[in-house]
Amino acid sequence: MSRAAPVDDLFDPGLQPERTLLAWRRTTLALAVGCAALVRFVAPVLGPVVAVIGLLGLVLCGAAYLGAATQYHRVSRELVSDGGGALPSPGPAVAALTAALVLVGAASLAFVVAPALAA
């Protein structure tokens, strides 16, 4: 005969939100390394505009990193409370990370295409 699980057993406190936070951290740090590499290796070839794009990408990565940490704390609070409300959206962190990725991608594409156009 099976018994219904207690409500406390349905929620695994902290593990899933923490794994999500760690994934966000890895992603933002990897993209930040890409932005730093962009500034280091591409800026001398394509000029100061790429350095500005890389630095802007670093700022956006930092914003996404902080946004993910804020999101983690909000979700953790909501899961342990009895409010039963909807979980907050990670929209700002996603937008910042997407913008940084688009900037780095555009600058990388320019780095690859520029020598072909100059020839």
N, C-alpha and C. Protein backbone atom coordinates (compact mmCIF):
# COMPACT_ATOMS: atom_id res chain seq x y z
N MET A 1 0.84 -1.17 0.00
CA MET A 1 0.00 0.00 0.00
C MET A 1 0.89 1.23 0.00
N SER A 2 0.65 2.14 -0.92
CA SER A 2 1.49 3.34 -1.01
C SER A 2 0.86 4.50 -0.27
N ARG A 3 1.72 5.32 0.29
CA ARG A 3 1.25 6.52 0.98
C ARG A 3 1.64 7.73 0.17
N ALA A 4 0.87 8.78 0.30
CA ALA A 4 1.20 10.04 -0.38
C ALA A 4 2.43 10.65 0.29
N ALA A 5 3.29 11.21 -0.53
CA ALA A 5 4.50 11.84 0.00
C ALA A 5 4.15 13.13 0.73
N PRO A 6 4.79 13.38 1.86
CA PRO A 6 4.55 14.66 2.54
C PRO A 6 4.97 15.83 1.65
N VAL A 7 4.38 16.97 1.89
CA VAL A 7 4.67 18.16 1.09
C VAL A 7 6.15 18.51 1.17
N ASP A 8 6.78 18.32 2.31
CA ASP A 8 8.19 18.65 2.47
C ASP A 8 9.08 17.81 1.54
N ASP A 9 8.64 16.60 1.19
CA ASP A 9 9.44 15.75 0.32
C ASP A 9 9.33 16.13 -1.15
N LEU A 10 8.35 16.95 -1.51
CA LEU A 10 8.17 17.34 -2.90
C LEU A 10 9.15 18.41 -3.34
N PHE A 11 9.68 19.14 -2.41
CA PHE A 11 10.60 20.23 -2.73
C PHE A 11 11.98 19.90 -2.19
N ASP A 12 12.97 19.92 -3.06
CA ASP A 12 14.35 19.66 -2.68
C ASP A 12 15.01 21.02 -2.48
N PRO A 13 15.08 21.50 -1.25
CA PRO A 13 15.47 22.89 -1.01
C PRO A 13 16.87 23.23 -1.50
N GLY A 14 16.92 24.15 -2.44
CA GLY A 14 18.18 24.75 -2.84
C GLY A 14 18.95 24.07 -3.95
N LEU A 15 18.70 22.82 -4.24
CA LEU A 15 19.57 22.13 -5.18
C LEU A 15 19.32 22.56 -6.62
N GLN A 16 18.09 22.53 -7.08
CA GLN A 16 17.83 22.90 -8.47
C GLN A 16 18.14 24.37 -8.74
N PRO A 17 17.69 25.31 -7.89
CA PRO A 17 18.07 26.70 -8.14
C PRO A 17 19.58 26.93 -8.09
N GLU A 18 20.26 26.20 -7.22
CA GLU A 18 21.71 26.38 -7.14
C GLU A 18 22.41 25.84 -8.39
N ARG A 19 21.94 24.72 -8.93
CA ARG A 19 22.51 24.21 -10.17
C ARG A 19 22.30 25.21 -11.31
N THR A 20 21.12 25.82 -11.33
CA THR A 20 20.84 26.82 -12.36
C THR A 20 21.77 28.02 -12.20
N LEU A 21 21.96 28.46 -10.97
CA LEU A 21 22.87 29.58 -10.72
C LEU A 21 24.29 29.24 -11.17
N LEU A 22 24.74 28.04 -10.88
CA LEU A 22 26.08 27.64 -11.29
C LEU A 22 26.20 27.60 -12.81
N ALA A 23 25.15 27.16 -13.50
CA ALA A 23 25.18 27.15 -14.97
C ALA A 23 25.23 28.58 -15.52
N TRP A 24 24.47 29.49 -14.92
CA TRP A 24 24.52 30.90 -15.34
C TRP A 24 25.91 31.46 -15.10
N ARG A 25 26.50 31.14 -13.97
CA ARG A 25 27.85 31.65 -13.67
C ARG A 25 28.88 31.14 -14.67
N ARG A 26 28.81 29.84 -14.99
CA ARG A 26 29.75 29.29 -15.97
C ARG A 26 29.58 29.97 -17.32
N THR A 27 28.34 30.18 -17.73
CA THR A 27 28.07 30.79 -19.03
C THR A 27 28.57 32.22 -19.07
N THR A 28 28.26 33.01 -18.04
CA THR A 28 28.69 34.41 -18.05
C THR A 28 30.21 34.52 -17.96
N LEU A 29 30.85 33.67 -17.18
CA LEU A 29 32.30 33.72 -17.08
C LEU A 29 32.96 33.31 -18.39
N ALA A 30 32.41 32.31 -19.07
CA ALA A 30 32.97 31.89 -20.36
C ALA A 30 32.83 33.01 -21.39
N LEU A 31 31.69 33.66 -21.41
CA LEU A 31 31.50 34.77 -22.36
C LEU A 31 32.38 35.96 -21.98
N ALA A 32 32.59 36.18 -20.69
CA ALA A 32 33.49 37.26 -20.27
C ALA A 32 34.92 36.99 -20.73
N VAL A 33 35.35 35.74 -20.67
CA VAL A 33 36.68 35.38 -21.18
C VAL A 33 36.75 35.64 -22.68
N GLY A 34 35.66 35.31 -23.39
CA GLY A 34 35.61 35.60 -24.82
C GLY A 34 35.70 37.09 -25.11
N CYS A 35 35.03 37.90 -24.29
CA CYS A 35 35.11 39.36 -24.46
C CYS A 35 36.52 39.87 -24.19
N ALA A 36 37.16 39.33 -23.16
CA ALA A 36 38.53 39.74 -22.85
C ALA A 36 39.49 39.33 -23.96
N ALA A 37 39.29 38.14 -24.51
CA ALA A 37 40.12 37.70 -25.64
C ALA A 37 39.88 38.58 -26.86
N LEU A 38 38.65 39.01 -27.05
CA LEU A 38 38.32 39.91 -28.15
C LEU A 38 39.09 41.22 -28.01
N VAL A 39 39.11 41.77 -26.83
CA VAL A 39 39.84 43.02 -26.59
C VAL A 39 41.34 42.79 -26.79
N ARG A 40 41.84 41.66 -26.32
CA ARG A 40 43.27 41.40 -26.37
C ARG A 40 43.78 41.13 -27.78
N PHE A 41 43.05 40.32 -28.56
CA PHE A 41 43.58 39.87 -29.84
C PHE A 41 42.97 40.56 -31.05
N VAL A 42 41.72 40.99 -30.97
CA VAL A 42 41.06 41.56 -32.14
C VAL A 42 41.19 43.08 -32.19
N ALA A 43 41.20 43.73 -31.04
CA ALA A 43 41.28 45.19 -31.01
C ALA A 43 42.53 45.73 -31.69
N PRO A 44 43.71 45.13 -31.54
CA PRO A 44 44.87 45.66 -32.27
C PRO A 44 44.73 45.58 -33.79
N VAL A 45 43.94 44.63 -34.27
CA VAL A 45 43.77 44.46 -35.71
C VAL A 45 42.68 45.38 -36.26
N LEU A 46 41.54 45.44 -35.57
CA LEU A 46 40.40 46.20 -36.09
C LEU A 46 40.21 47.58 -35.47
N GLY A 47 40.95 47.90 -34.44
CA GLY A 47 40.89 49.25 -33.89
C GLY A 47 40.14 49.37 -32.58
N PRO A 48 40.04 50.62 -32.11
CA PRO A 48 39.47 50.86 -30.79
C PRO A 48 37.97 50.59 -30.69
N VAL A 49 37.27 50.55 -31.81
CA VAL A 49 35.83 50.27 -31.76
C VAL A 49 35.60 48.87 -31.20
N VAL A 50 36.44 47.92 -31.58
CA VAL A 50 36.30 46.55 -31.09
C VAL A 50 36.64 46.49 -29.60
N ALA A 51 37.59 47.30 -29.16
CA ALA A 51 37.90 47.35 -27.73
C ALA A 51 36.70 47.84 -26.94
N VAL A 52 36.01 48.84 -27.45
CA VAL A 52 34.81 49.35 -26.79
C VAL A 52 33.73 48.27 -26.77
N ILE A 53 33.57 47.55 -27.89
CA ILE A 53 32.57 46.47 -27.95
C ILE A 53 32.92 45.37 -26.94
N GLY A 54 34.20 45.02 -26.85
CA GLY A 54 34.61 44.00 -25.89
C GLY A 54 34.39 44.43 -24.45
N LEU A 55 34.70 45.68 -24.16
CA LEU A 55 34.48 46.18 -22.80
C LEU A 55 32.99 46.26 -22.47
N LEU A 56 32.19 46.66 -23.45
CA LEU A 56 30.74 46.68 -23.25
C LEU A 56 30.23 45.25 -23.01
N GLY A 57 30.78 44.29 -23.74
CA GLY A 57 30.43 42.89 -23.52
C GLY A 57 30.78 42.43 -22.11
N LEU A 58 31.94 42.87 -21.61
CA LEU A 58 32.33 42.53 -20.24
C LEU A 58 31.35 43.11 -19.22
N VAL A 59 30.91 44.34 -19.45
CA VAL A 59 29.95 44.97 -18.55
C VAL A 59 28.62 44.20 -18.58
N LEU A 60 28.18 43.82 -19.78
CA LEU A 60 26.93 43.06 -19.90
C LEU A 60 27.05 41.69 -19.24
N CYS A 61 28.20 41.07 -19.35
CA CYS A 61 28.42 39.79 -18.67
C CYS A 61 28.34 39.96 -17.15
N GLY A 62 28.92 41.04 -16.65
CA GLY A 62 28.82 41.33 -15.21
C GLY A 62 27.39 41.56 -14.78
N ALA A 63 26.62 42.27 -15.62
CA ALA A 63 25.21 42.50 -15.30
C ALA A 63 24.44 41.19 -15.30
N ALA A 64 24.72 40.30 -16.25
CA ALA A 64 24.04 39.01 -16.29
C ALA A 64 24.43 38.16 -15.08
N TYR A 65 25.68 38.23 -14.67
CA TYR A 65 26.16 37.48 -13.50
C TYR A 65 25.42 37.94 -12.24
N LEU A 66 25.33 39.26 -12.06
CA LEU A 66 24.61 39.78 -10.90
C LEU A 66 23.11 39.50 -10.99
N GLY A 67 22.56 39.59 -12.21
CA GLY A 67 21.14 39.29 -12.39
C GLY A 67 20.83 37.83 -12.07
N ALA A 68 21.73 36.92 -12.41
CA ALA A 68 21.51 35.51 -12.10
C ALA A 68 21.54 35.28 -10.59
N ALA A 69 22.44 35.96 -9.90
CA ALA A 69 22.51 35.82 -8.43
C ALA A 69 21.23 36.35 -7.78
N THR A 70 20.74 37.49 -8.27
CA THR A 70 19.50 38.05 -7.75
C THR A 70 18.34 37.11 -8.02
N GLN A 71 18.30 36.54 -9.23
CA GLN A 71 17.26 35.60 -9.60
C GLN A 71 17.28 34.37 -8.69
N TYR A 72 18.46 33.88 -8.39
CA TYR A 72 18.59 32.72 -7.51
C TYR A 72 17.98 33.00 -6.14
N HIS A 73 18.28 34.17 -5.58
CA HIS A 73 17.74 34.49 -4.26
C HIS A 73 16.23 34.66 -4.29
N ARG A 74 15.70 35.25 -5.35
CA ARG A 74 14.24 35.41 -5.48
C ARG A 74 13.56 34.06 -5.59
N VAL A 75 14.08 33.19 -6.43
CA VAL A 75 13.47 31.87 -6.62
C VAL A 75 13.55 31.06 -5.33
N SER A 76 14.68 31.11 -4.66
CA SER A 76 14.81 30.37 -3.41
C SER A 76 13.81 30.85 -2.37
N ARG A 77 13.65 32.17 -2.26
CA ARG A 77 12.66 32.71 -1.33
C ARG A 77 11.25 32.27 -1.69
N GLU A 78 10.91 32.30 -2.97
CA GLU A 78 9.57 31.94 -3.41
C GLU A 78 9.29 30.45 -3.18
N LEU A 79 10.29 29.61 -3.40
CA LEU A 79 10.09 28.18 -3.23
C LEU A 79 9.89 27.78 -1.78
N VAL A 80 10.56 28.45 -0.85
CA VAL A 80 10.42 28.07 0.55
C VAL A 80 9.26 28.78 1.24
N SER A 81 8.71 29.81 0.60
CA SER A 81 7.57 30.50 1.21
C SER A 81 6.29 29.74 0.88
N ASP A 82 5.24 30.08 1.57
CA ASP A 82 3.94 29.46 1.31
C ASP A 82 3.09 30.30 0.38
N GLY A 83 3.71 31.27 -0.28
CA GLY A 83 2.95 32.18 -1.14
C GLY A 83 2.33 31.49 -2.34
N GLY A 84 3.01 30.52 -2.91
CA GLY A 84 2.47 29.80 -4.05
C GLY A 84 2.38 30.65 -5.31
N GLY A 85 3.08 31.79 -5.33
CA GLY A 85 3.02 32.67 -6.48
C GLY A 85 3.90 32.17 -7.61
N ALA A 86 3.84 32.88 -8.70
CA ALA A 86 4.66 32.52 -9.86
C ALA A 86 6.12 32.87 -9.59
N LEU A 87 7.00 32.09 -10.15
CA LEU A 87 8.42 32.36 -10.00
C LEU A 87 8.81 33.54 -10.88
N PRO A 88 9.74 34.37 -10.42
CA PRO A 88 10.15 35.54 -11.20
C PRO A 88 10.87 35.13 -12.49
N SER A 89 10.77 35.99 -13.48
CA SER A 89 11.37 35.74 -14.79
C SER A 89 12.83 36.18 -14.81
N PRO A 90 13.71 35.43 -15.47
CA PRO A 90 15.11 35.83 -15.58
C PRO A 90 15.36 36.74 -16.78
N GLY A 91 14.35 37.45 -17.24
CA GLY A 91 14.43 38.26 -18.45
C GLY A 91 15.62 39.21 -18.55
N PRO A 92 15.89 40.06 -17.56
CA PRO A 92 17.02 40.99 -17.69
C PRO A 92 18.37 40.29 -17.84
N ALA A 93 18.59 39.21 -17.12
CA ALA A 93 19.86 38.49 -17.24
C ALA A 93 19.99 37.86 -18.62
N VAL A 94 18.89 37.32 -19.13
CA VAL A 94 18.91 36.73 -20.47
C VAL A 94 19.18 37.81 -21.52
N ALA A 95 18.57 38.96 -21.36
CA ALA A 95 18.77 40.06 -22.32
C ALA A 95 20.22 40.55 -22.30
N ALA A 96 20.80 40.69 -21.13
CA ALA A 96 22.18 41.16 -21.03
C ALA A 96 23.15 40.14 -21.64
N LEU A 97 22.93 38.88 -21.36
CA LEU A 97 23.81 37.85 -21.91
C LEU A 97 23.66 37.75 -23.43
N THR A 98 22.44 37.87 -23.93
CA THR A 98 22.21 37.83 -25.37
C THR A 98 22.87 39.02 -26.06
N ALA A 99 22.75 40.20 -25.47
CA ALA A 99 23.38 41.38 -26.06
C ALA A 99 24.90 41.23 -26.11
N ALA A 100 25.49 40.71 -25.04
CA ALA A 100 26.94 40.50 -25.03
C ALA A 100 27.34 39.48 -26.09
N LEU A 101 26.56 38.43 -26.23
CA LEU A 101 26.88 37.41 -27.23
C LEU A 101 26.76 37.96 -28.65
N VAL A 102 25.77 38.79 -28.90
CA VAL A 102 25.62 39.40 -30.23
C VAL A 102 26.79 40.32 -30.53
N LEU A 103 27.21 41.12 -29.55
CA LEU A 103 28.35 42.02 -29.75
C LEU A 103 29.63 41.25 -30.05
N VAL A 104 29.90 40.22 -29.27
CA VAL A 104 31.11 39.43 -29.49
C VAL A 104 31.04 38.71 -30.83
N GLY A 105 29.88 38.19 -31.18
CA GLY A 105 29.73 37.52 -32.46
C GLY A 105 29.95 38.45 -33.64
N ALA A 106 29.41 39.66 -33.56
CA ALA A 106 29.58 40.63 -34.64
C ALA A 106 31.04 41.05 -34.78
N ALA A 107 31.71 41.28 -33.67
CA ALA A 107 33.12 41.66 -33.73
C ALA A 107 33.97 40.50 -34.24
N SER A 108 33.66 39.29 -33.87
CA SER A 108 34.40 38.13 -34.35
C SER A 108 34.19 37.93 -35.84
N LEU A 109 32.97 38.14 -36.30
CA LEU A 109 32.69 38.05 -37.73
C LEU A 109 33.46 39.11 -38.50
N ALA A 110 33.51 40.31 -37.95
CA ALA A 110 34.28 41.38 -38.60
C ALA A 110 35.76 41.03 -38.66
N PHE A 111 36.27 40.39 -37.62
CA PHE A 111 37.68 39.98 -37.59
C PHE A 111 37.97 38.94 -38.68
N VAL A 112 37.04 38.04 -38.91
CA VAL A 112 37.25 37.00 -39.92
C VAL A 112 37.07 37.54 -41.33
N VAL A 113 36.10 38.43 -41.51
CA VAL A 113 35.77 38.92 -42.85
C VAL A 113 36.67 40.08 -43.29
N ALA A 114 37.19 40.87 -42.38
CA ALA A 114 37.96 42.06 -42.71
C ALA A 114 39.18 41.76 -43.59
N PRO A 115 39.98 40.74 -43.31
CA PRO A 115 41.12 40.48 -44.20
C PRO A 115 40.69 40.10 -45.62
N ALA A 116 39.58 39.42 -45.77
CA ALA A 116 39.10 39.04 -47.10
C ALA A 116 38.63 40.26 -47.88
N LEU A 117 38.05 41.22 -47.18
CA LEU A 117 37.58 42.43 -47.84
C LEU A 117 38.74 43.35 -48.22
N ALA A 118 39.81 43.32 -47.44
CA ALA A 118 40.96 44.18 -47.70
C ALA A 118 41.79 43.69 -48.90
N ALA A 119 41.67 42.40 -49.21
CA ALA A 119 42.47 41.84 -50.30
C ALA A 119 41.90 42.12 -51.67
